[in-house]
Amino acid sequence: MIKNKIILSSILLIFFISSIGCSNSNEKKVTIAKKSDSEYVNTFEELFLGLLFDFELKLPQADKRWINLWVERYIDGKRDPEPLANLSYGNSPKEYKEGKLGFGMINPSSEDSLLFLYGPDVRTHPTLIENEPRTNINTIWEYAIGNEEVELKMGETKVLAAYLETESNSMRPLNLSDEESIKKIIKEHNTVLLLKIKIVERDISKE
């Protein structure tokens, strides 16, 4: 009986230690998920303001990490030398940070459109984008991630969403799952905007 109790106690101890290890491992993972039906998105749609890509970011060790969020534009396959908008922030006073992050466009298909980025407690001022006069332009937009949480690895650039304009009448679902598919999309469409994110380890207190 005593021997059985010792074995049972050992098993429970091993399970407890393993659980702690898994919990600590999960707590270090940065995750993001799309919120296509959020209050932010619904407000944009109800007021006919334009287009909004909304996400939920969970950032453990936020006091040691830096977030870079930006929008790249490609016209006829060529990338602009600088991002249309860029948001860079980090080293929160809190060890854990959770909140909304995203990209909005007001009057996206007009000659003058406004673009902005936002994160938890931060945002950019709207940037005016002057576009060439266009007619018979079709637009399409898509999230690059699904409803489930996606892990963001340190130092890895991740495409979160895309907005496209094309003169073609052929509208197909976008495949944003891999780099080759994205290159093909850029080549086949007149204008492509890509929302990208990259998170790195950075402790500005030591710089």
N, C-alpha and C. Protein backbone atom coordinates (compact mmCIF):
# COMPACT_ATOMS: atom_id res chain seq x y z
N MET A 1 0.83 -1.21 0.00
CA MET A 1 0.00 0.00 0.00
C MET A 1 0.87 1.27 0.00
N ILE A 2 1.92 1.27 0.87
CA ILE A 2 2.83 2.41 0.94
C ILE A 2 3.56 2.59 -0.38
N LYS A 3 3.95 1.47 -0.98
CA LYS A 3 4.65 1.51 -2.27
C LYS A 3 3.76 2.13 -3.34
N ASN A 4 2.49 1.75 -3.36
CA ASN A 4 1.54 2.29 -4.34
C ASN A 4 1.35 3.79 -4.15
N LYS A 5 1.31 4.22 -2.87
CA LYS A 5 1.15 5.64 -2.60
C LYS A 5 2.36 6.43 -3.09
N ILE A 6 3.56 5.83 -2.92
CA ILE A 6 4.78 6.51 -3.38
C ILE A 6 4.77 6.64 -4.89
N ILE A 7 4.37 5.57 -5.60
CA ILE A 7 4.31 5.59 -7.07
C ILE A 7 3.30 6.62 -7.54
N LEU A 8 2.13 6.63 -6.90
CA LEU A 8 1.07 7.58 -7.27
C LEU A 8 1.55 9.02 -7.03
N SER A 9 2.21 9.25 -5.92
CA SER A 9 2.71 10.60 -5.61
C SER A 9 3.75 11.03 -6.64
N SER A 10 4.59 10.08 -7.07
CA SER A 10 5.63 10.39 -8.06
C SER A 10 5.01 10.76 -9.39
N ILE A 11 3.96 10.03 -9.79
CA ILE A 11 3.28 10.30 -11.05
C ILE A 11 2.63 11.68 -11.02
N LEU A 12 1.97 11.99 -9.89
CA LEU A 12 1.32 13.29 -9.76
C LEU A 12 2.34 14.42 -9.78
N LEU A 13 3.51 14.19 -9.15
CA LEU A 13 4.56 15.20 -9.12
C LEU A 13 5.09 15.46 -10.53
N ILE A 14 5.31 14.38 -11.28
CA ILE A 14 5.80 14.51 -12.66
C ILE A 14 4.79 15.25 -13.51
N PHE A 15 3.51 14.91 -13.35
CA PHE A 15 2.44 15.57 -14.11
C PHE A 15 2.38 17.06 -13.77
N PHE A 16 2.53 17.37 -12.47
CA PHE A 16 2.47 18.77 -12.03
C PHE A 16 3.62 19.57 -12.61
N ILE A 17 4.82 19.01 -12.59
CA ILE A 17 5.99 19.69 -13.14
C ILE A 17 5.84 19.89 -14.64
N SER A 18 5.32 18.87 -15.34
CA SER A 18 5.11 18.96 -16.79
C SER A 18 4.09 20.03 -17.12
N SER A 19 3.04 20.12 -16.29
CA SER A 19 2.00 21.13 -16.52
C SER A 19 2.56 22.52 -16.36
N ILE A 20 3.43 22.71 -15.37
CA ILE A 20 4.05 24.01 -15.18
C ILE A 20 4.91 24.36 -16.37
N GLY A 21 5.64 23.37 -16.87
CA GLY A 21 6.50 23.61 -18.03
C GLY A 21 5.70 24.01 -19.25
N CYS A 22 4.58 23.33 -19.50
CA CYS A 22 3.73 23.66 -20.65
C CYS A 22 3.13 25.04 -20.49
N SER A 23 2.69 25.35 -19.27
CA SER A 23 2.08 26.65 -19.03
C SER A 23 3.06 27.77 -19.28
N ASN A 24 4.29 27.62 -18.78
CA ASN A 24 5.30 28.65 -19.00
C ASN A 24 5.63 28.81 -20.46
N SER A 25 5.64 27.66 -21.17
CA SER A 25 5.94 27.71 -22.60
C SER A 25 4.86 28.47 -23.36
N ASN A 26 3.58 28.19 -23.02
CA ASN A 26 2.48 28.85 -23.70
C ASN A 26 2.44 30.34 -23.37
N GLU A 27 2.84 30.69 -22.14
CA GLU A 27 2.80 32.08 -21.73
C GLU A 27 3.79 32.93 -22.52
N LYS A 28 4.79 32.31 -23.10
CA LYS A 28 5.81 33.05 -23.84
C LYS A 28 5.44 33.24 -25.30
N LYS A 29 4.37 32.59 -25.75
CA LYS A 29 3.98 32.67 -27.15
C LYS A 29 3.19 33.95 -27.44
N VAL A 30 3.59 34.63 -28.51
CA VAL A 30 2.83 35.79 -28.98
C VAL A 30 1.81 35.29 -29.99
N THR A 31 0.56 35.66 -29.83
CA THR A 31 -0.48 35.20 -30.75
C THR A 31 -1.31 36.37 -31.26
N ILE A 32 -1.89 36.16 -32.44
CA ILE A 32 -2.77 37.16 -33.05
C ILE A 32 -3.92 36.44 -33.74
N ALA A 33 -5.08 37.05 -33.72
CA ALA A 33 -6.27 36.48 -34.36
C ALA A 33 -7.08 37.61 -34.99
N LYS A 34 -7.71 37.32 -36.11
CA LYS A 34 -8.52 38.34 -36.76
C LYS A 34 -9.85 38.52 -36.02
N LYS A 35 -10.37 39.74 -36.06
CA LYS A 35 -11.66 40.07 -35.45
C LYS A 35 -12.52 40.78 -36.50
N SER A 36 -12.92 40.03 -37.51
CA SER A 36 -13.63 40.62 -38.65
C SER A 36 -15.04 41.07 -38.32
N ASP A 37 -15.56 40.67 -37.15
CA ASP A 37 -16.91 41.10 -36.75
C ASP A 37 -16.86 41.95 -35.48
N SER A 38 -15.75 42.62 -35.24
CA SER A 38 -15.61 43.41 -34.03
C SER A 38 -16.44 44.68 -34.11
N GLU A 39 -16.55 45.37 -32.98
CA GLU A 39 -17.29 46.63 -32.91
C GLU A 39 -16.65 47.67 -33.82
N TYR A 40 -15.32 47.68 -33.87
CA TYR A 40 -14.61 48.62 -34.74
C TYR A 40 -15.03 48.41 -36.20
N VAL A 41 -14.99 47.16 -36.65
CA VAL A 41 -15.31 46.84 -38.04
C VAL A 41 -16.76 47.18 -38.34
N ASN A 42 -17.65 46.81 -37.44
CA ASN A 42 -19.08 47.08 -37.65
C ASN A 42 -19.37 48.58 -37.75
N THR A 43 -18.68 49.37 -36.93
CA THR A 43 -18.87 50.82 -36.98
C THR A 43 -18.43 51.38 -38.33
N PHE A 44 -17.29 50.92 -38.82
CA PHE A 44 -16.81 51.36 -40.13
C PHE A 44 -17.81 51.03 -41.22
N GLU A 45 -18.36 49.83 -41.16
CA GLU A 45 -19.31 49.39 -42.19
C GLU A 45 -20.62 50.17 -42.10
N GLU A 46 -21.11 50.37 -40.89
CA GLU A 46 -22.39 51.07 -40.71
C GLU A 46 -22.32 52.52 -41.16
N LEU A 47 -21.16 53.15 -40.99
CA LEU A 47 -21.00 54.56 -41.37
C LEU A 47 -20.42 54.73 -42.78
N PHE A 48 -20.21 53.62 -43.47
CA PHE A 48 -19.67 53.64 -44.84
C PHE A 48 -18.36 54.45 -44.90
N LEU A 49 -17.50 54.24 -43.91
CA LEU A 49 -16.24 54.97 -43.85
C LEU A 49 -15.18 54.38 -44.77
N GLY A 50 -15.24 53.07 -44.95
CA GLY A 50 -14.22 52.43 -45.78
C GLY A 50 -13.97 51.01 -45.32
N LEU A 51 -12.69 50.69 -45.13
CA LEU A 51 -12.27 49.32 -44.87
C LEU A 51 -11.44 49.28 -43.60
N LEU A 52 -11.66 48.25 -42.77
CA LEU A 52 -10.89 48.11 -41.54
C LEU A 52 -10.52 46.64 -41.33
N PHE A 53 -9.23 46.39 -41.13
CA PHE A 53 -8.75 45.07 -40.73
C PHE A 53 -8.45 45.13 -39.23
N ASP A 54 -9.16 44.34 -38.44
CA ASP A 54 -9.02 44.40 -36.98
C ASP A 54 -8.51 43.06 -36.45
N PHE A 55 -7.58 43.12 -35.46
CA PHE A 55 -6.97 41.92 -34.88
C PHE A 55 -6.90 42.05 -33.37
N GLU A 56 -6.73 40.91 -32.73
CA GLU A 56 -6.49 40.85 -31.29
C GLU A 56 -5.09 40.30 -31.06
N LEU A 57 -4.23 41.09 -30.43
CA LEU A 57 -2.84 40.70 -30.19
C LEU A 57 -2.64 40.38 -28.72
N LYS A 58 -2.04 39.22 -28.43
CA LYS A 58 -1.69 38.82 -27.07
C LYS A 58 -0.17 38.78 -26.99
N LEU A 59 0.39 39.63 -26.12
CA LEU A 59 1.84 39.82 -26.10
C LEU A 59 2.41 39.61 -24.70
N PRO A 60 2.85 38.38 -24.39
CA PRO A 60 3.56 38.16 -23.14
C PRO A 60 4.97 38.75 -23.23
N GLN A 61 5.57 39.00 -22.09
CA GLN A 61 6.89 39.64 -22.03
C GLN A 61 6.91 40.95 -22.82
N ALA A 62 5.82 41.68 -22.71
CA ALA A 62 5.66 42.93 -23.48
C ALA A 62 6.69 43.97 -23.09
N ASP A 63 7.25 43.84 -21.89
CA ASP A 63 8.26 44.81 -21.44
C ASP A 63 9.61 44.62 -22.12
N LYS A 64 9.76 43.49 -22.85
CA LYS A 64 11.03 43.20 -23.52
C LYS A 64 10.88 43.04 -25.03
N ARG A 65 9.70 43.39 -25.57
CA ARG A 65 9.44 43.15 -26.99
C ARG A 65 9.01 44.42 -27.70
N TRP A 66 9.29 44.44 -29.01
CA TRP A 66 9.02 45.61 -29.84
C TRP A 66 8.21 45.18 -31.05
N ILE A 67 7.13 45.92 -31.34
CA ILE A 67 6.21 45.59 -32.43
C ILE A 67 6.40 46.56 -33.58
N ASN A 68 6.55 46.03 -34.77
CA ASN A 68 6.61 46.83 -35.99
C ASN A 68 5.45 46.42 -36.89
N LEU A 69 4.60 47.39 -37.21
CA LEU A 69 3.43 47.16 -38.06
C LEU A 69 3.50 48.16 -39.21
N TRP A 70 3.39 47.69 -40.45
CA TRP A 70 3.50 48.61 -41.58
C TRP A 70 2.70 48.12 -42.79
N VAL A 71 2.51 49.06 -43.73
CA VAL A 71 1.77 48.76 -44.96
C VAL A 71 2.67 49.01 -46.16
N GLU A 72 2.88 47.98 -46.97
CA GLU A 72 3.65 48.10 -48.20
C GLU A 72 2.70 48.27 -49.38
N ARG A 73 3.11 49.10 -50.35
CA ARG A 73 2.30 49.25 -51.55
C ARG A 73 3.11 48.83 -52.78
N TYR A 74 2.43 48.09 -53.66
CA TYR A 74 3.01 47.67 -54.94
C TYR A 74 2.12 48.21 -56.05
N ILE A 75 2.71 48.91 -57.01
CA ILE A 75 1.99 49.39 -58.17
C ILE A 75 2.60 48.75 -59.42
N ASP A 76 1.77 48.03 -60.16
CA ASP A 76 2.23 47.29 -61.34
C ASP A 76 3.44 46.44 -61.02
N GLY A 77 3.41 45.78 -59.86
CA GLY A 77 4.45 44.84 -59.48
C GLY A 77 5.65 45.45 -58.80
N LYS A 78 5.73 46.79 -58.71
CA LYS A 78 6.90 47.43 -58.12
C LYS A 78 6.54 48.01 -56.74
N ARG A 79 7.40 47.72 -55.77
CA ARG A 79 7.14 48.18 -54.41
C ARG A 79 7.60 49.63 -54.23
N ASP A 80 6.78 50.41 -53.51
CA ASP A 80 7.18 51.76 -53.13
C ASP A 80 8.44 51.69 -52.27
N PRO A 81 9.34 52.68 -52.40
CA PRO A 81 10.57 52.65 -51.62
C PRO A 81 10.34 52.71 -50.11
N GLU A 82 9.26 53.36 -49.68
CA GLU A 82 8.95 53.47 -48.26
C GLU A 82 7.53 52.98 -47.99
N PRO A 83 7.26 52.45 -46.79
CA PRO A 83 5.90 52.02 -46.44
C PRO A 83 4.93 53.20 -46.49
N LEU A 84 3.69 52.92 -46.84
CA LEU A 84 2.66 53.97 -46.81
C LEU A 84 2.41 54.44 -45.38
N ALA A 85 2.49 53.52 -44.44
CA ALA A 85 2.31 53.86 -43.03
C ALA A 85 3.13 52.89 -42.20
N ASN A 86 3.59 53.35 -41.04
CA ASN A 86 4.41 52.52 -40.19
C ASN A 86 4.12 52.85 -38.73
N LEU A 87 3.95 51.81 -37.92
CA LEU A 87 3.71 51.98 -36.49
C LEU A 87 4.72 51.11 -35.74
N SER A 88 5.52 51.73 -34.89
CA SER A 88 6.57 51.02 -34.16
C SER A 88 6.48 51.39 -32.68
N TYR A 89 6.33 50.39 -31.83
CA TYR A 89 6.19 50.65 -30.40
C TYR A 89 6.56 49.40 -29.61
N GLY A 90 6.74 49.56 -28.30
CA GLY A 90 7.05 48.40 -27.48
C GLY A 90 7.56 48.76 -26.11
N ASN A 91 8.17 47.75 -25.44
CA ASN A 91 8.69 47.89 -24.09
C ASN A 91 7.65 48.50 -23.16
N SER A 92 6.51 47.83 -23.09
CA SER A 92 5.42 48.27 -22.23
C SER A 92 5.84 48.21 -20.77
N PRO A 93 5.28 49.07 -19.91
CA PRO A 93 5.56 48.97 -18.47
C PRO A 93 4.96 47.70 -17.86
N LYS A 94 4.07 47.05 -18.59
CA LYS A 94 3.46 45.82 -18.12
C LYS A 94 4.16 44.61 -18.76
N GLU A 95 4.21 43.49 -18.02
CA GLU A 95 4.83 42.28 -18.54
C GLU A 95 3.94 41.58 -19.57
N TYR A 96 2.65 41.82 -19.48
CA TYR A 96 1.70 41.19 -20.42
C TYR A 96 0.79 42.27 -21.00
N LYS A 97 0.63 42.23 -22.32
CA LYS A 97 -0.19 43.24 -23.00
C LYS A 97 -1.14 42.53 -23.96
N GLU A 98 -2.39 42.92 -23.91
CA GLU A 98 -3.39 42.34 -24.81
C GLU A 98 -4.30 43.46 -25.30
N GLY A 99 -4.59 43.47 -26.61
CA GLY A 99 -5.47 44.50 -27.12
C GLY A 99 -5.60 44.47 -28.63
N LYS A 100 -6.29 45.49 -29.13
CA LYS A 100 -6.58 45.55 -30.55
C LYS A 100 -5.41 46.14 -31.35
N LEU A 101 -5.32 45.67 -32.58
CA LEU A 101 -4.29 46.12 -33.50
C LEU A 101 -4.86 46.03 -34.90
N GLY A 102 -4.56 47.02 -35.77
CA GLY A 102 -5.15 46.92 -37.10
C GLY A 102 -4.77 48.02 -38.06
N PHE A 103 -5.50 48.02 -39.17
CA PHE A 103 -5.21 48.88 -40.33
C PHE A 103 -6.53 49.34 -40.92
N GLY A 104 -6.70 50.67 -41.06
CA GLY A 104 -7.93 51.21 -41.61
C GLY A 104 -7.68 52.07 -42.83
N MET A 105 -8.65 52.08 -43.74
CA MET A 105 -8.61 52.92 -44.94
C MET A 105 -9.95 53.62 -45.07
N ILE A 106 -9.91 54.94 -45.19
CA ILE A 106 -11.12 55.73 -45.41
C ILE A 106 -11.18 56.12 -46.88
N ASN A 107 -12.32 55.83 -47.51
CA ASN A 107 -12.48 56.04 -48.96
C ASN A 107 -11.35 55.38 -49.75
N PRO A 108 -11.17 54.06 -49.60
CA PRO A 108 -10.01 53.39 -50.19
C PRO A 108 -9.90 53.46 -51.70
N SER A 109 -10.99 53.48 -52.43
CA SER A 109 -10.91 53.46 -53.89
C SER A 109 -11.06 54.84 -54.53
N SER A 110 -11.05 55.90 -53.73
CA SER A 110 -11.17 57.25 -54.28
C SER A 110 -9.80 57.80 -54.63
N GLU A 111 -9.78 58.99 -55.26
CA GLU A 111 -8.51 59.60 -55.64
C GLU A 111 -7.71 60.04 -54.42
N ASP A 112 -8.42 60.43 -53.36
CA ASP A 112 -7.77 60.80 -52.10
C ASP A 112 -8.31 59.90 -50.99
N SER A 113 -7.47 59.05 -50.46
CA SER A 113 -7.89 58.17 -49.39
C SER A 113 -7.00 58.38 -48.17
N LEU A 114 -7.50 58.00 -47.01
CA LEU A 114 -6.76 58.13 -45.76
C LEU A 114 -6.45 56.75 -45.21
N LEU A 115 -5.26 56.62 -44.66
CA LEU A 115 -4.81 55.33 -44.16
C LEU A 115 -4.24 55.51 -42.76
N PHE A 116 -4.53 54.58 -41.85
CA PHE A 116 -3.99 54.68 -40.49
C PHE A 116 -3.78 53.28 -39.89
N LEU A 117 -2.89 53.23 -38.91
CA LEU A 117 -2.59 52.00 -38.18
C LEU A 117 -2.83 52.25 -36.69
N TYR A 118 -3.14 51.20 -35.95
CA TYR A 118 -3.34 51.35 -34.52
C TYR A 118 -2.94 50.07 -33.78
N GLY A 119 -2.58 50.25 -32.53
CA GLY A 119 -2.27 49.14 -31.65
C GLY A 119 -2.80 49.46 -30.27
N PRO A 120 -2.56 48.60 -29.28
CA PRO A 120 -3.01 48.90 -27.92
C PRO A 120 -2.40 50.21 -27.40
N ASP A 121 -3.21 51.20 -27.20
CA ASP A 121 -2.81 52.51 -26.65
C ASP A 121 -1.97 53.36 -27.60
N VAL A 122 -1.83 52.96 -28.86
CA VAL A 122 -1.04 53.74 -29.82
C VAL A 122 -1.75 53.77 -31.17
N ARG A 123 -1.43 54.78 -31.98
CA ARG A 123 -2.00 54.86 -33.32
C ARG A 123 -1.19 55.88 -34.14
N THR A 124 -1.33 55.81 -35.43
CA THR A 124 -0.70 56.80 -36.30
C THR A 124 -1.73 57.85 -36.69
N HIS A 125 -1.26 59.03 -37.08
CA HIS A 125 -2.16 60.02 -37.65
C HIS A 125 -2.55 59.55 -39.05
N PRO A 126 -3.78 59.81 -39.50
CA PRO A 126 -4.18 59.40 -40.85
C PRO A 126 -3.24 59.99 -41.90
N THR A 127 -2.82 59.14 -42.82
CA THR A 127 -1.93 59.55 -43.91
C THR A 127 -2.75 59.71 -45.19
N LEU A 128 -2.61 60.85 -45.85
CA LEU A 128 -3.32 61.09 -47.09
C LEU A 128 -2.59 60.41 -48.25
N ILE A 129 -3.31 59.57 -48.99
CA ILE A 129 -2.75 58.88 -50.15
C ILE A 129 -3.41 59.41 -51.40
N GLU A 130 -2.62 60.04 -52.26
CA GLU A 130 -3.15 60.56 -53.51
C GLU A 130 -2.99 59.50 -54.61
N ASN A 131 -4.11 59.10 -55.17
CA ASN A 131 -4.11 58.06 -56.20
C ASN A 131 -4.39 58.67 -57.57
N GLU A 132 -3.93 57.98 -58.58
CA GLU A 132 -4.23 58.39 -59.95
C GLU A 132 -5.72 58.24 -60.22
N PRO A 133 -6.31 59.15 -61.03
CA PRO A 133 -7.73 58.98 -61.39
C PRO A 133 -7.95 57.63 -62.04
N ARG A 134 -8.97 56.90 -61.56
CA ARG A 134 -9.18 55.55 -62.05
C ARG A 134 -10.65 55.30 -62.36
N THR A 135 -10.88 54.49 -63.38
CA THR A 135 -12.25 54.08 -63.72
C THR A 135 -12.25 52.57 -63.92
N ASN A 136 -13.41 51.97 -63.72
CA ASN A 136 -13.57 50.52 -63.90
C ASN A 136 -12.57 49.72 -63.08
N ILE A 137 -12.35 50.16 -61.85
CA ILE A 137 -11.45 49.45 -60.95
C ILE A 137 -12.25 48.55 -60.02
N ASN A 138 -11.84 47.30 -59.94
CA ASN A 138 -12.44 46.36 -59.00
C ASN A 138 -11.51 46.21 -57.79
N THR A 139 -12.09 46.09 -56.63
CA THR A 139 -11.29 45.95 -55.41
C THR A 139 -11.61 44.64 -54.70
N ILE A 140 -10.62 44.14 -54.00
CA ILE A 140 -10.80 42.92 -53.21
C ILE A 140 -9.88 43.02 -52.00
N TRP A 141 -10.32 42.53 -50.86
CA TRP A 141 -9.49 42.53 -49.66
C TRP A 141 -9.71 41.23 -48.90
N GLU A 142 -8.69 40.85 -48.15
CA GLU A 142 -8.75 39.55 -47.48
C GLU A 142 -7.78 39.52 -46.31
N TYR A 143 -8.19 38.84 -45.23
CA TYR A 143 -7.27 38.55 -44.13
C TYR A 143 -6.35 37.41 -44.56
N ALA A 144 -5.13 37.43 -44.06
CA ALA A 144 -4.17 36.36 -44.37
C ALA A 144 -4.18 35.27 -43.31
N ILE A 145 -4.90 35.50 -42.20
CA ILE A 145 -4.99 34.51 -41.15
C ILE A 145 -6.46 34.23 -40.86
N GLY A 146 -6.71 33.08 -40.24
CA GLY A 146 -8.08 32.68 -39.97
C GLY A 146 -8.58 33.16 -38.62
N ASN A 147 -9.69 32.57 -38.16
CA ASN A 147 -10.29 32.96 -36.90
C ASN A 147 -9.52 32.45 -35.69
N GLU A 148 -8.76 31.37 -35.89
CA GLU A 148 -7.98 30.80 -34.81
C GLU A 148 -6.72 31.63 -34.55
N GLU A 149 -6.25 31.61 -33.32
CA GLU A 149 -5.04 32.33 -32.97
C GLU A 149 -3.84 31.76 -33.73
N VAL A 150 -2.99 32.66 -34.20
CA VAL A 150 -1.77 32.29 -34.92
C VAL A 150 -0.57 32.77 -34.12
N GLU A 151 0.43 31.91 -33.98
CA GLU A 151 1.63 32.30 -33.24
C GLU A 151 2.52 33.18 -34.10
N LEU A 152 3.03 34.25 -33.52
CA LEU A 152 4.00 35.12 -34.19
C LEU A 152 5.37 34.85 -33.58
N LYS A 153 6.27 34.35 -34.38
CA LYS A 153 7.61 34.03 -33.89
C LYS A 153 8.50 35.27 -33.94
N MET A 154 9.40 35.35 -32.99
CA MET A 154 10.28 36.50 -32.89
C MET A 154 11.13 36.66 -34.16
N GLY A 155 11.15 37.88 -34.68
CA GLY A 155 11.99 38.18 -35.84
C GLY A 155 11.41 37.77 -37.18
N GLU A 156 10.23 37.16 -37.18
CA GLU A 156 9.61 36.70 -38.43
C GLU A 156 8.60 37.73 -38.93
N THR A 157 8.69 38.07 -40.21
CA THR A 157 7.71 38.98 -40.83
C THR A 157 6.49 38.19 -41.27
N LYS A 158 5.32 38.66 -40.86
CA LYS A 158 4.07 37.95 -41.15
C LYS A 158 3.11 38.88 -41.88
N VAL A 159 2.55 38.42 -43.01
CA VAL A 159 1.51 39.16 -43.72
C VAL A 159 0.18 38.90 -43.01
N LEU A 160 -0.51 39.98 -42.64
CA LEU A 160 -1.78 39.86 -41.92
C LEU A 160 -2.99 40.05 -42.82
N ALA A 161 -2.86 40.89 -43.86
CA ALA A 161 -4.01 41.18 -44.72
C ALA A 161 -3.54 41.83 -46.02
N ALA A 162 -4.45 41.87 -46.99
CA ALA A 162 -4.11 42.46 -48.29
C ALA A 162 -5.33 43.19 -48.86
N TYR A 163 -5.05 44.29 -49.55
CA TYR A 163 -6.06 45.05 -50.28
C TYR A 163 -5.56 45.19 -51.71
N LEU A 164 -6.43 44.90 -52.70
CA LEU A 164 -6.02 44.89 -54.10
C LEU A 164 -6.97 45.70 -54.96
N GLU A 165 -6.41 46.28 -56.01
CA GLU A 165 -7.19 46.94 -57.05
C GLU A 165 -6.74 46.38 -58.40
N THR A 166 -7.72 46.10 -59.25
CA THR A 166 -7.40 45.53 -60.54
C THR A 166 -8.41 45.99 -61.59
N GLU A 167 -7.97 46.06 -62.83
CA GLU A 167 -8.87 46.39 -63.94
C GLU A 167 -9.53 45.13 -64.50
N SER A 168 -9.08 43.99 -64.04
CA SER A 168 -9.62 42.72 -64.52
C SER A 168 -11.00 42.47 -63.92
N ASN A 169 -11.86 41.84 -64.70
CA ASN A 169 -13.19 41.47 -64.22
C ASN A 169 -13.19 40.10 -63.55
N SER A 170 -12.05 39.43 -63.62
CA SER A 170 -11.93 38.11 -63.01
C SER A 170 -11.52 38.26 -61.56
N MET A 171 -12.42 37.95 -60.65
CA MET A 171 -12.17 38.09 -59.23
C MET A 171 -12.11 36.70 -58.58
N ARG A 172 -10.92 36.35 -58.09
CA ARG A 172 -10.74 35.05 -57.47
C ARG A 172 -10.39 35.23 -55.99
N PRO A 173 -10.72 34.22 -55.17
CA PRO A 173 -10.31 34.29 -53.76
C PRO A 173 -8.78 34.40 -53.67
N LEU A 174 -8.31 35.16 -52.70
CA LEU A 174 -6.88 35.36 -52.55
C LEU A 174 -6.25 34.23 -51.75
N ASN A 175 -5.06 33.85 -52.17
CA ASN A 175 -4.27 32.87 -51.43
C ASN A 175 -3.07 33.59 -50.84
N LEU A 176 -3.13 33.88 -49.55
CA LEU A 176 -2.07 34.62 -48.88
C LEU A 176 -1.28 33.72 -47.93
N SER A 177 -1.31 32.41 -48.21
CA SER A 177 -0.73 31.44 -47.28
C SER A 177 0.78 31.29 -47.40
N ASP A 178 1.36 31.66 -48.54
CA ASP A 178 2.79 31.48 -48.71
C ASP A 178 3.37 32.58 -49.59
N GLU A 179 4.69 32.70 -49.57
CA GLU A 179 5.38 33.79 -50.25
C GLU A 179 5.19 33.74 -51.77
N GLU A 180 5.22 32.56 -52.35
CA GLU A 180 5.08 32.44 -53.81
C GLU A 180 3.70 32.90 -54.28
N SER A 181 2.67 32.57 -53.52
CA SER A 181 1.31 32.98 -53.87
C SER A 181 1.17 34.50 -53.78
N ILE A 182 1.82 35.09 -52.77
CA ILE A 182 1.76 36.55 -52.61
C ILE A 182 2.49 37.24 -53.76
N LYS A 183 3.63 36.68 -54.18
CA LYS A 183 4.36 37.26 -55.32
C LYS A 183 3.50 37.23 -56.59
N LYS A 184 2.75 36.17 -56.77
CA LYS A 184 1.86 36.04 -57.93
C LYS A 184 0.74 37.08 -57.87
N ILE A 185 0.19 37.30 -56.69
CA ILE A 185 -0.86 38.32 -56.51
C ILE A 185 -0.33 39.70 -56.87
N ILE A 186 0.87 40.01 -56.39
CA ILE A 186 1.49 41.31 -56.68
C ILE A 186 1.68 41.50 -58.19
N LYS A 187 2.07 40.44 -58.86
CA LYS A 187 2.33 40.51 -60.30
C LYS A 187 1.04 40.68 -61.10
N GLU A 188 -0.06 40.09 -60.63
CA GLU A 188 -1.29 40.04 -61.42
C GLU A 188 -2.23 41.21 -61.20
N HIS A 189 -1.97 42.07 -60.19
CA HIS A 189 -2.90 43.15 -59.87
C HIS A 189 -2.24 44.51 -60.00
N ASN A 190 -3.04 45.52 -60.33
CA ASN A 190 -2.51 46.87 -60.55
C ASN A 190 -1.93 47.48 -59.28
N THR A 191 -2.69 47.39 -58.20
CA THR A 191 -2.25 47.94 -56.92
C THR A 191 -2.47 46.91 -55.82
N VAL A 192 -1.47 46.74 -54.98
CA VAL A 192 -1.55 45.79 -53.88
C VAL A 192 -1.02 46.46 -52.61
N LEU A 193 -1.81 46.41 -51.55
CA LEU A 193 -1.36 46.85 -50.24
C LEU A 193 -1.27 45.63 -49.33
N LEU A 194 -0.13 45.48 -48.66
CA LEU A 194 0.07 44.36 -47.74
C LEU A 194 0.30 44.90 -46.33
N LEU A 195 -0.48 44.41 -45.39
CA LEU A 195 -0.28 44.74 -43.98
C LEU A 195 0.65 43.69 -43.39
N LYS A 196 1.77 44.14 -42.81
CA LYS A 196 2.77 43.21 -42.27
C LYS A 196 3.09 43.54 -40.82
N ILE A 197 3.54 42.51 -40.10
CA ILE A 197 3.94 42.70 -38.70
C ILE A 197 5.22 41.92 -38.43
N LYS A 198 6.04 42.47 -37.55
CA LYS A 198 7.27 41.80 -37.11
C LYS A 198 7.50 42.19 -35.66
N ILE A 199 7.74 41.19 -34.81
CA ILE A 199 7.99 41.42 -33.39
C ILE A 199 9.38 40.92 -33.04
N VAL A 200 10.12 41.75 -32.33
CA VAL A 200 11.50 41.41 -31.98
C VAL A 200 11.73 41.59 -30.49
N GLU A 201 12.77 40.93 -30.01
CA GLU A 201 13.20 41.13 -28.63
C GLU A 201 14.01 42.42 -28.58
N ARG A 202 13.63 43.35 -27.70
CA ARG A 202 14.35 44.61 -27.60
C ARG A 202 14.14 45.22 -26.22
N ASP A 203 15.22 45.48 -25.54
CA ASP A 203 15.17 46.11 -24.23
C ASP A 203 15.84 47.48 -24.35
N ILE A 204 15.03 48.54 -24.52
CA ILE A 204 15.59 49.87 -24.76
C ILE A 204 16.29 50.42 -23.52
N SER A 205 16.06 49.83 -22.35
CA SER A 205 16.72 50.30 -21.14
C SER A 205 18.22 50.00 -21.16
N LYS A 206 18.61 49.06 -22.04
CA LYS A 206 20.02 48.68 -22.12
C LYS A 206 20.72 49.32 -23.33
N GLU A 207 19.97 50.13 -24.10
CA GLU A 207 20.55 50.73 -25.30
C GLU A 207 21.21 52.08 -24.97
